């Protein structure tokens, strides 16, 4: 399957920003499962390319002149080669993903949820955990934000893919199972579906296994991976700091389509 992606992010400010730095994880890394046919970033200035601590491709964009808006666009085409295959990425020890993070720390309720799903076979128990999370937290947009942690989202009983993933990761780590947050894109036939997406990967028996809690699937057939980390803050597509600017407004639109041809415009 060939997927074409266009992801635009626009920041506007009520007052001039004196200086800003944006950390962009908007470039997918090639793997045996996903082949990058074409990819580019359209940015207001040239960005420095590097790798972060999780070996994601990272671009650092620094704007040191006054500005009241920033427009960022990532676009390209990727071929999903093995639609039923899992990521064989083992650049980092899976044990790195065993520790809790600020957005995945558990409370008594999350510990109880995890312990109710302890046992073998492990992957089947985690499938049941995934089902339980979605039942307890129906997909509901607008009730959480990027700073919501697993405790808050689970207590509220609602959330989006980011929240489902944080709760799932928290439970996995309670059980001592390495699991990581994945940011990326999802192709769907429903044009109203949000194309930017988050899911989890679990390390078991020398391999990574996909768990998309929101869509209740273990098959990453329509998933394009951007970045991984302990939680959203490690893998989010855009994260930045600024000096000045007053009130900020954000508009982000991600579109994923199947095989429309490479976009070079």
C-alpha atoms as a PDB file:
ATOM      1  CA  UNK A   1       0.000   0.000   0.000  1.00  0.00           C
ATOM      2  CA  UNK A   2       1.299   3.451  -0.977  1.00  0.00           C
ATOM      3  CA  UNK A   3       0.228   6.334   1.234  1.00  0.00           C
ATOM      4  CA  UNK A   4       0.484  10.036   0.513  1.00  0.00           C
ATOM      5  CA  UNK A   5       0.698  12.346   3.527  1.00  0.00           C
ATOM      6  CA  UNK A   6       0.359  16.072   3.983  1.00  0.00           C
ATOM      7  CA  UNK A   7       0.595  17.417   7.533  1.00  0.00           C
ATOM      8  CA  UNK A   8       0.341  21.172   8.055  1.00  0.00           C
ATOM      9  CA  UNK A   9       0.813  22.989  11.355  1.00  0.00           C
ATOM     10  CA  UNK A  10       0.262  26.719  11.783  1.00  0.00           C
ATOM     11  CA  UNK A  11       0.955  28.776  14.893  1.00  0.00           C
ATOM     12  CA  UNK A  12      -0.273  32.361  15.233  1.00  0.00           C
ATOM     13  CA  UNK A  13       0.505  34.745  18.075  1.00  0.00           C
ATOM     14  CA  UNK A  14      -1.215  37.860  19.402  1.00  0.00           C
ATOM     15  CA  UNK A  15       2.154  39.565  19.888  1.00  0.00           C
ATOM     16  CA  UNK A  16       5.551  39.218  18.196  1.00  0.00           C
ATOM     17  CA  UNK A  17       7.649  36.244  19.253  1.00  0.00           C
ATOM     18  CA  UNK A  18      11.217  37.356  19.909  1.00  0.00           C
ATOM     19  CA  UNK A  19      12.778  33.887  19.580  1.00  0.00           C
ATOM     20  CA  UNK A  20      11.440  30.361  19.131  1.00  0.00           C
ATOM     21  CA  UNK A  21      12.793  26.848  18.772  1.00  0.00           C
ATOM     22  CA  UNK A  22      10.693  24.014  17.354  1.00  0.00           C
ATOM     23  CA  UNK A  23      11.607  20.345  17.734  1.00  0.00           C
ATOM     24  CA  UNK A  24      10.136  18.465  14.769  1.00  0.00           C
ATOM     25  CA  UNK A  25       9.641  14.712  14.641  1.00  0.00           C
ATOM     26  CA  UNK A  26       7.909  14.888  11.297  1.00  0.00           C
ATOM     27  CA  UNK A  27      10.153  12.633   9.209  1.00  0.00           C
ATOM     28  CA  UNK A  28       9.566   8.864   9.177  1.00  0.00           C
ATOM     29  CA  UNK A  29      12.565   6.575   9.421  1.00  0.00           C
ATOM     30  CA  UNK A  30      12.786   3.913   6.694  1.00  0.00           C
ATOM     31  CA  UNK A  31      12.511   0.299   7.813  1.00  0.00           C
ATOM     32  CA  UNK A  32      11.899  -3.109   6.235  1.00  0.00           C
ATOM     33  CA  UNK A  33       8.192  -2.381   6.730  1.00  0.00           C
ATOM     34  CA  UNK A  34       7.975   1.170   5.379  1.00  0.00           C
ATOM     35  CA  UNK A  35       9.878   2.498   2.376  1.00  0.00           C
ATOM     36  CA  UNK A  36      10.143   6.265   2.011  1.00  0.00           C
ATOM     37  CA  UNK A  37       9.493   7.139  -1.632  1.00  0.00           C
ATOM     38  CA  UNK A  38       9.567  10.895  -1.161  1.00  0.00           C
ATOM     39  CA  UNK A  39       9.537  13.161   1.893  1.00  0.00           C
ATOM     40  CA  UNK A  40      10.185  16.812   2.541  1.00  0.00           C
ATOM     41  CA  UNK A  41       9.613  19.515   5.124  1.00  0.00           C
ATOM     42  CA  UNK A  42       8.510  23.005   4.086  1.00  0.00           C
ATOM     43  CA  UNK A  43       9.748  25.332   6.824  1.00  0.00           C
ATOM     44  CA  UNK A  44      10.284  29.102   7.183  1.00  0.00           C
ATOM     45  CA  UNK A  45      14.024  28.547   7.736  1.00  0.00           C
ATOM     46  CA  UNK A  46      16.457  25.704   7.291  1.00  0.00           C
ATOM     47  CA  UNK A  47      16.416  23.290  10.221  1.00  0.00           C
ATOM     48  CA  UNK A  48      19.273  21.252  11.660  1.00  0.00           C
ATOM     49  CA  UNK A  49      18.789  17.490  11.357  1.00  0.00           C
ATOM     50  CA  UNK A  50      19.802  15.128  14.160  1.00  0.00           C
ATOM     51  CA  UNK A  51      18.654  12.039  16.055  1.00  0.00           C
ATOM     52  CA  UNK A  52      17.080  12.199  19.499  1.00  0.00           C
ATOM     53  CA  UNK A  53      17.681   9.848  22.429  1.00  0.00           C
ATOM     54  CA  UNK A  54      15.195   7.322  20.999  1.00  0.00           C
ATOM     55  CA  UNK A  55      16.875   7.476  17.566  1.00  0.00           C
ATOM     56  CA  UNK A  56      13.950   9.298  15.988  1.00  0.00           C
ATOM     57  CA  UNK A  57      14.759  11.688  13.150  1.00  0.00           C
ATOM     58  CA  UNK A  58      14.694  15.150  14.712  1.00  0.00           C
ATOM     59  CA  UNK A  59      14.805  18.561  13.049  1.00  0.00           C
ATOM     60  CA  UNK A  60      15.503  21.638  15.167  1.00  0.00           C
ATOM     61  CA  UNK A  61      14.085  24.855  13.745  1.00  0.00           C
ATOM     62  CA  UNK A  62      15.315  28.102  15.301  1.00  0.00           C
ATOM     63  CA  UNK A  63      13.741  31.459  14.464  1.00  0.00           C
ATOM     64  CA  UNK A  64      15.682  34.335  15.989  1.00  0.00           C
ATOM     65  CA  UNK A  65      13.886  37.208  14.249  1.00  0.00           C
ATOM     66  CA  UNK A  66      10.541  38.617  15.482  1.00  0.00           C
ATOM     67  CA  UNK A  67       7.571  36.736  14.029  1.00  0.00           C
ATOM     68  CA  UNK A  68       3.838  36.355  14.667  1.00  0.00           C
ATOM     69  CA  UNK A  69       3.233  33.092  12.833  1.00  0.00           C
ATOM     70  CA  UNK A  70       4.975  29.823  11.991  1.00  0.00           C
ATOM     71  CA  UNK A  71       3.887  27.479   9.196  1.00  0.00           C
ATOM     72  CA  UNK A  72       5.249  23.945   9.053  1.00  0.00           C
ATOM     73  CA  UNK A  73       4.376  21.326   6.431  1.00  0.00           C
ATOM     74  CA  UNK A  74       5.518  17.735   6.120  1.00  0.00           C
ATOM     75  CA  UNK A  75       4.577  15.884   2.947  1.00  0.00           C
ATOM     76  CA  UNK A  76       5.546  12.869   0.938  1.00  0.00           C
ATOM     77  CA  UNK A  77       4.770   9.311   0.006  1.00  0.00           C
ATOM     78  CA  UNK A  78       5.545   6.077   1.820  1.00  0.00           C
ATOM     79  CA  UNK A  79       5.026   2.481   0.770  1.00  0.00           C
ATOM     80  CA  UNK A  80       3.929  -0.001   3.423  1.00  0.00           C
ATOM     81  CA  UNK A  81       5.757  -3.090   2.201  1.00  0.00           C
ATOM     82  CA  UNK A  82       4.724  -5.798   4.680  1.00  0.00           C
ATOM     83  CA  UNK A  83       1.236  -4.868   5.816  1.00  0.00           C
ATOM     84  CA  UNK A  84       1.035  -7.661   8.406  1.00  0.00           C
ATOM     85  CA  UNK A  85       4.630  -7.337   9.565  1.00  0.00           C
ATOM     86  CA  UNK A  86       5.870  -5.838  12.804  1.00  0.00           C
ATOM     87  CA  UNK A  87       8.688  -3.352  13.281  1.00  0.00           C
ATOM     88  CA  UNK A  88      12.030  -5.102  13.794  1.00  0.00           C
ATOM     89  CA  UNK A  89      13.590  -1.967  15.292  1.00  0.00           C
ATOM     90  CA  UNK A  90      16.052  -3.024  18.013  1.00  0.00           C
ATOM     91  CA  UNK A  91      18.421  -0.063  18.022  1.00  0.00           C
ATOM     92  CA  UNK A  92      17.664   0.515  21.708  1.00  0.00           C
ATOM     93  CA  UNK A  93      17.281  -2.053  24.451  1.00  0.00           C
ATOM     94  CA  UNK A  94      13.556  -2.732  24.999  1.00  0.00           C
ATOM     95  CA  UNK A  95      14.227  -2.325  28.731  1.00  0.00           C
ATOM     96  CA  UNK A  96      14.451   1.424  28.094  1.00  0.00           C
ATOM     97  CA  UNK A  97      10.674   1.340  27.671  1.00  0.00           C
ATOM     98  CA  UNK A  98      10.010  -0.366  31.009  1.00  0.00           C
ATOM     99  CA  UNK A  99      10.195   2.746  33.160  1.00  0.00           C
ATOM    100  CA  UNK A 100       7.350   5.088  33.978  1.00  0.00           C
ATOM    101  CA  UNK A 101       7.257   8.617  32.595  1.00  0.00           C
ATOM    102  CA  UNK A 102       5.364  11.744  33.713  1.00  0.00           C
ATOM    103  CA  UNK A 103       2.375  10.892  31.498  1.00  0.00           C
ATOM    104  CA  UNK A 104       2.283   7.151  32.263  1.00  0.00           C
ATOM    105  CA  UNK A 105       2.787   7.017  36.030  1.00  0.00           C
ATOM    106  CA  UNK A 106       0.076   4.867  37.661  1.00  0.00           C
ATOM    107  CA  UNK A 107      -2.217   5.336  40.619  1.00  0.00           C
ATOM    108  CA  UNK A 108      -4.111   2.656  42.560  1.00  0.00           C
ATOM    109  CA  UNK A 109      -6.833   2.468  39.890  1.00  0.00           C
ATOM    110  CA  UNK A 110      -4.368   1.814  37.081  1.00  0.00           C
ATOM    111  CA  UNK A 111      -2.466  -0.726  39.164  1.00  0.00           C
ATOM    112  CA  UNK A 112      -5.733  -2.588  39.815  1.00  0.00           C
ATOM    113  CA  UNK A 113      -6.566  -2.514  36.095  1.00  0.00           C
ATOM    114  CA  UNK A 114      -3.148  -3.901  35.209  1.00  0.00           C
ATOM    115  CA  UNK A 115      -3.179  -6.620  37.848  1.00  0.00           C
ATOM    116  CA  UNK A 116      -6.576  -7.806  36.636  1.00  0.00           C
ATOM    117  CA  UNK A 117      -4.875  -8.631  33.329  1.00  0.00           C
ATOM    118  CA  UNK A 118      -1.713 -10.278  34.604  1.00  0.00           C
ATOM    119  CA  UNK A 119      -1.051 -13.790  33.338  1.00  0.00           C
ATOM    120  CA  UNK A 120      -0.334 -15.916  30.303  1.00  0.00           C
ATOM    121  CA  UNK A 121      -0.501 -16.024  27.389  1.00  0.00           C
ATOM    122  CA  UNK A 122       0.812 -12.463  27.623  1.00  0.00           C
ATOM    123  CA  UNK A 123      -0.335 -11.046  24.276  1.00  0.00           C
ATOM    124  CA  UNK A 124      -3.842 -12.430  24.686  1.00  0.00           C
ATOM    125  CA  UNK A 125      -4.071 -10.895  28.160  1.00  0.00           C
ATOM    126  CA  UNK A 126      -2.955  -7.570  26.731  1.00  0.00           C
ATOM    127  CA  UNK A 127      -5.627  -7.804  24.030  1.00  0.00           C
ATOM    128  CA  UNK A 128      -8.194  -8.113  26.806  1.00  0.00           C
ATOM    129  CA  UNK A 129      -6.610  -5.143  28.566  1.00  0.00           C
ATOM    130  CA  UNK A 130      -6.874  -3.123  25.359  1.00  0.00           C
ATOM    131  CA  UNK A 131     -10.562  -3.982  25.040  1.00  0.00           C
ATOM    132  CA  UNK A 132     -11.177  -3.064  28.668  1.00  0.00           C
ATOM    133  CA  UNK A 133      -9.523   0.346  28.269  1.00  0.00           C
ATOM    134  CA  UNK A 134     -11.691   1.284  25.277  1.00  0.00           C
ATOM    135  CA  UNK A 135     -14.838   0.092  27.090  1.00  0.00           C
ATOM    136  CA  UNK A 136     -13.994   2.206  30.125  1.00  0.00           C
ATOM    137  CA  UNK A 137     -12.785   5.176  28.058  1.00  0.00           C
ATOM    138  CA  UNK A 138     -14.902   5.651  24.914  1.00  0.00           C
ATOM    139  CA  UNK A 139     -13.238   7.762  22.250  1.00  0.00           C
ATOM    140  CA  UNK A 140     -14.261  11.350  22.966  1.00  0.00           C
ATOM    141  CA  UNK A 141     -12.531  14.364  21.467  1.00  0.00           C
ATOM    142  CA  UNK A 142     -12.039  17.589  23.360  1.00  0.00           C
ATOM    143  CA  UNK A 143     -12.084  16.294  26.937  1.00  0.00           C
ATOM    144  CA  UNK A 144      -8.308  16.016  27.339  1.00  0.00           C
ATOM    145  CA  UNK A 145      -5.264  17.843  26.012  1.00  0.00           C
ATOM    146  CA  UNK A 146      -1.637  17.100  25.209  1.00  0.00           C
ATOM    147  CA  UNK A 147      -0.664  17.461  28.867  1.00  0.00           C
ATOM    148  CA  UNK A 148      -3.237  14.994  30.225  1.00  0.00           C
ATOM    149  CA  UNK A 149      -1.642  12.002  31.930  1.00  0.00           C
ATOM    150  CA  UNK A 150      -2.890   8.438  32.225  1.00  0.00           C
ATOM    151  CA  UNK A 151      -4.301   8.978  35.714  1.00  0.00           C
ATOM    152  CA  UNK A 152      -6.395  11.977  34.676  1.00  0.00           C
ATOM    153  CA  UNK A 153      -7.670  10.409  31.469  1.00  0.00           C
ATOM    154  CA  UNK A 154      -8.587   7.093  33.111  1.00  0.00           C
ATOM    155  CA  UNK A 155     -10.348   8.837  35.990  1.00  0.00           C
ATOM    156  CA  UNK A 156     -12.328  10.934  33.509  1.00  0.00           C
ATOM    157  CA  UNK A 157     -13.481   7.859  31.627  1.00  0.00           C
ATOM    158  CA  UNK A 158     -13.023   9.431  28.185  1.00  0.00           C
ATOM    159  CA  UNK A 159     -10.215  10.320  25.828  1.00  0.00           C
ATOM    160  CA  UNK A 160      -8.551  10.054  22.450  1.00  0.00           C
ATOM    161  CA  UNK A 161      -5.850   7.803  21.004  1.00  0.00           C
ATOM    162  CA  UNK A 162      -3.130   9.543  23.012  1.00  0.00           C
ATOM    163  CA  UNK A 163      -4.993   8.860  26.280  1.00  0.00           C
ATOM    164  CA  UNK A 164      -5.805   5.249  25.405  1.00  0.00           C
ATOM    165  CA  UNK A 165      -2.124   4.685  24.651  1.00  0.00           C
ATOM    166  CA  UNK A 166      -0.906   6.289  27.883  1.00  0.00           C
ATOM    167  CA  UNK A 167      -3.242   4.166  29.996  1.00  0.00           C
ATOM    168  CA  UNK A 168      -2.197   1.014  28.154  1.00  0.00           C
ATOM    169  CA  UNK A 169       1.516   1.845  28.565  1.00  0.00           C
ATOM    170  CA  UNK A 170       1.053   2.551  32.256  1.00  0.00           C
ATOM    171  CA  UNK A 171      -0.542  -0.866  32.768  1.00  0.00           C
ATOM    172  CA  UNK A 172       2.140  -2.646  30.733  1.00  0.00           C
ATOM    173  CA  UNK A 173       4.857  -1.071  32.843  1.00  0.00           C
ATOM    174  CA  UNK A 174       3.056  -2.064  36.054  1.00  0.00           C
ATOM    175  CA  UNK A 175       3.233  -5.628  34.724  1.00  0.00           C
ATOM    176  CA  UNK A 176       6.932  -5.259  33.914  1.00  0.00           C
ATOM    177  CA  UNK A 177       6.376  -5.451  30.155  1.00  0.00           C
ATOM    178  CA  UNK A 178       8.401  -3.055  27.964  1.00  0.00           C
ATOM    179  CA  UNK A 179       6.041  -0.912  25.886  1.00  0.00           C
ATOM    180  CA  UNK A 180       6.494   2.274  23.906  1.00  0.00           C
ATOM    181  CA  UNK A 181       4.428   5.152  22.585  1.00  0.00           C
ATOM    182  CA  UNK A 182       4.245   5.505  18.787  1.00  0.00           C
ATOM    183  CA  UNK A 183       3.220   8.631  16.898  1.00  0.00           C
ATOM    184  CA  UNK A 184       2.362   8.549  13.234  1.00  0.00           C
ATOM    185  CA  UNK A 185      -0.426   8.520  10.696  1.00  0.00           C
ATOM    186  CA  UNK A 186      -3.371   6.257  10.009  1.00  0.00           C
ATOM    187  CA  UNK A 187      -5.038   5.763   6.658  1.00  0.00           C
ATOM    188  CA  UNK A 188      -8.807   5.311   6.827  1.00  0.00           C
ATOM    189  CA  UNK A 189     -11.611   5.252   4.289  1.00  0.00           C
ATOM    190  CA  UNK A 190     -13.470   7.771   6.467  1.00  0.00           C
ATOM    191  CA  UNK A 191     -12.332  11.223   5.345  1.00  0.00           C
ATOM    192  CA  UNK A 192     -13.553  12.718   8.638  1.00  0.00           C
ATOM    193  CA  UNK A 193     -11.213  10.539  10.691  1.00  0.00           C
ATOM    194  CA  UNK A 194      -8.205  12.288  12.230  1.00  0.00           C
ATOM    195  CA  UNK A 195      -5.199  11.090  10.242  1.00  0.00           C
ATOM    196  CA  UNK A 196      -2.596  11.891  12.907  1.00  0.00           C
ATOM    197  CA  UNK A 197      -2.571   8.964  15.294  1.00  0.00           C
ATOM    198  CA  UNK A 198      -0.964   7.285  18.299  1.00  0.00           C
ATOM    199  CA  UNK A 199      -0.680   3.643  19.329  1.00  0.00           C
ATOM    200  CA  UNK A 200       1.532   1.331  21.387  1.00  0.00           C
ATOM    201  CA  UNK A 201       4.110  -1.350  20.721  1.00  0.00           C
ATOM    202  CA  UNK A 202       4.888  -4.104  23.230  1.00  0.00           C
ATOM    203  CA  UNK A 203       8.110  -6.093  23.415  1.00  0.00           C
ATOM    204  CA  UNK A 204       7.491  -9.807  23.817  1.00  0.00           C
ATOM    205  CA  UNK A 205       9.571 -12.840  22.827  1.00  0.00           C
ATOM    206  CA  UNK A 206      12.212 -10.848  20.960  1.00  0.00           C
ATOM    207  CA  UNK A 207       9.846  -8.733  18.897  1.00  0.00           C
ATOM    208  CA  UNK A 208       7.635  -5.640  18.906  1.00  0.00           C
ATOM    209  CA  UNK A 209       3.869  -6.149  18.724  1.00  0.00           C
ATOM    210  CA  UNK A 210       1.355  -3.462  17.734  1.00  0.00           C
ATOM    211  CA  UNK A 211      -1.588  -2.523  19.957  1.00  0.00           C
ATOM    212  CA  UNK A 212      -3.851   0.174  18.535  1.00  0.00           C
ATOM    213  CA  UNK A 213      -6.262   0.550  21.438  1.00  0.00           C
ATOM    214  CA  UNK A 214      -8.503   3.155  19.810  1.00  0.00           C
ATOM    215  CA  UNK A 215      -9.135   1.009  16.726  1.00  0.00           C
ATOM    216  CA  UNK A 216      -8.838  -2.361  18.478  1.00  0.00           C
ATOM    217  CA  UNK A 217      -6.330  -3.802  16.045  1.00  0.00           C
ATOM    218  CA  UNK A 218      -3.006  -5.575  16.338  1.00  0.00           C
ATOM    219  CA  UNK A 219      -2.282  -5.290  12.609  1.00  0.00           C
ATOM    220  CA  UNK A 220      -0.492  -2.072  11.538  1.00  0.00           C
ATOM    221  CA  UNK A 221      -1.659  -2.406   7.954  1.00  0.00           C
ATOM    222  CA  UNK A 222      -2.582   1.259   7.554  1.00  0.00           C
ATOM    223  CA  UNK A 223      -0.177   2.765  10.063  1.00  0.00           C
ATOM    224  CA  UNK A 224       2.817   4.911   9.162  1.00  0.00           C
ATOM    225  CA  UNK A 225       5.262   5.374  12.031  1.00  0.00           C
ATOM    226  CA  UNK A 226       6.925   8.713  12.735  1.00  0.00           C
ATOM    227  CA  UNK A 227       8.533   8.440  16.174  1.00  0.00           C
ATOM    228  CA  UNK A 228       8.642   6.418  19.393  1.00  0.00           C
ATOM    229  CA  UNK A 229       9.191   7.272  23.045  1.00  0.00           C
ATOM    230  CA  UNK A 230       8.085   6.710  26.614  1.00  0.00           C
ATOM    231  CA  UNK A 231       5.023   8.905  26.083  1.00  0.00           C
ATOM    232  CA  UNK A 232       3.575  11.688  23.935  1.00  0.00           C
ATOM    233  CA  UNK A 233       6.195  14.233  24.943  1.00  0.00           C
ATOM    234  CA  UNK A 234       8.994  12.066  23.537  1.00  0.00           C
ATOM    235  CA  UNK A 235       7.311  11.346  20.213  1.00  0.00           C
ATOM    236  CA  UNK A 236       4.999  14.268  19.435  1.00  0.00           C
ATOM    237  CA  UNK A 237       5.421  15.634  15.889  1.00  0.00           C
ATOM    238  CA  UNK A 238       5.945  19.263  16.968  1.00  0.00           C
ATOM    239  CA  UNK A 239       7.115  20.623  20.293  1.00  0.00           C
ATOM    240  CA  UNK A 240       8.677  24.000  20.958  1.00  0.00           C
ATOM    241  CA  UNK A 241       9.607  26.867  23.228  1.00  0.00           C
ATOM    242  CA  UNK A 242       9.274  30.588  22.620  1.00  0.00           C
ATOM    243  CA  UNK A 243       9.988  33.963  24.147  1.00  0.00           C
ATOM    244  CA  UNK A 244       7.145  36.439  23.825  1.00  0.00           C
ATOM    245  CA  UNK A 245       4.154  35.984  21.563  1.00  0.00           C
ATOM    246  CA  UNK A 246       1.278  36.542  23.965  1.00  0.00           C
ATOM    247  CA  UNK A 247      -1.677  34.272  23.218  1.00  0.00           C
ATOM    248  CA  UNK A 248      -1.003  31.341  20.886  1.00  0.00           C
ATOM    249  CA  UNK A 249      -3.465  29.730  18.481  1.00  0.00           C
ATOM    250  CA  UNK A 250      -2.772  26.448  16.713  1.00  0.00           C
ATOM    251  CA  UNK A 251      -4.245  24.888  13.597  1.00  0.00           C
ATOM    252  CA  UNK A 252      -3.047  21.431  12.557  1.00  0.00           C
ATOM    253  CA  UNK A 253      -4.381  19.346   9.666  1.00  0.00           C
ATOM    254  CA  UNK A 254      -3.087  15.912   8.636  1.00  0.00           C
ATOM    255  CA  UNK A 255      -4.376  14.161   5.526  1.00  0.00           C
ATOM    256  CA  UNK A 256      -3.511  10.638   4.430  1.00  0.00           C
ATOM    257  CA  UNK A 257      -4.627   9.240   1.086  1.00  0.00           C
ATOM    258  CA  UNK A 258      -3.901   6.032  -0.763  1.00  0.00           C
ATOM    259  CA  UNK A 259      -1.681   5.988  -3.852  1.00  0.00           C
ATOM    260  CA  UNK A 260      -2.535   9.352  -5.416  1.00  0.00           C
ATOM    261  CA  UNK A 261       0.956   9.819  -6.785  1.00  0.00           C
ATOM    262  CA  UNK A 262       3.923  11.580  -5.302  1.00  0.00           C
ATOM    263  CA  UNK A 263       3.273  15.188  -4.302  1.00  0.00           C
ATOM    264  CA  UNK A 264       6.151  17.416  -5.413  1.00  0.00           C
ATOM    265  CA  UNK A 265       4.183  20.673  -5.518  1.00  0.00           C
END
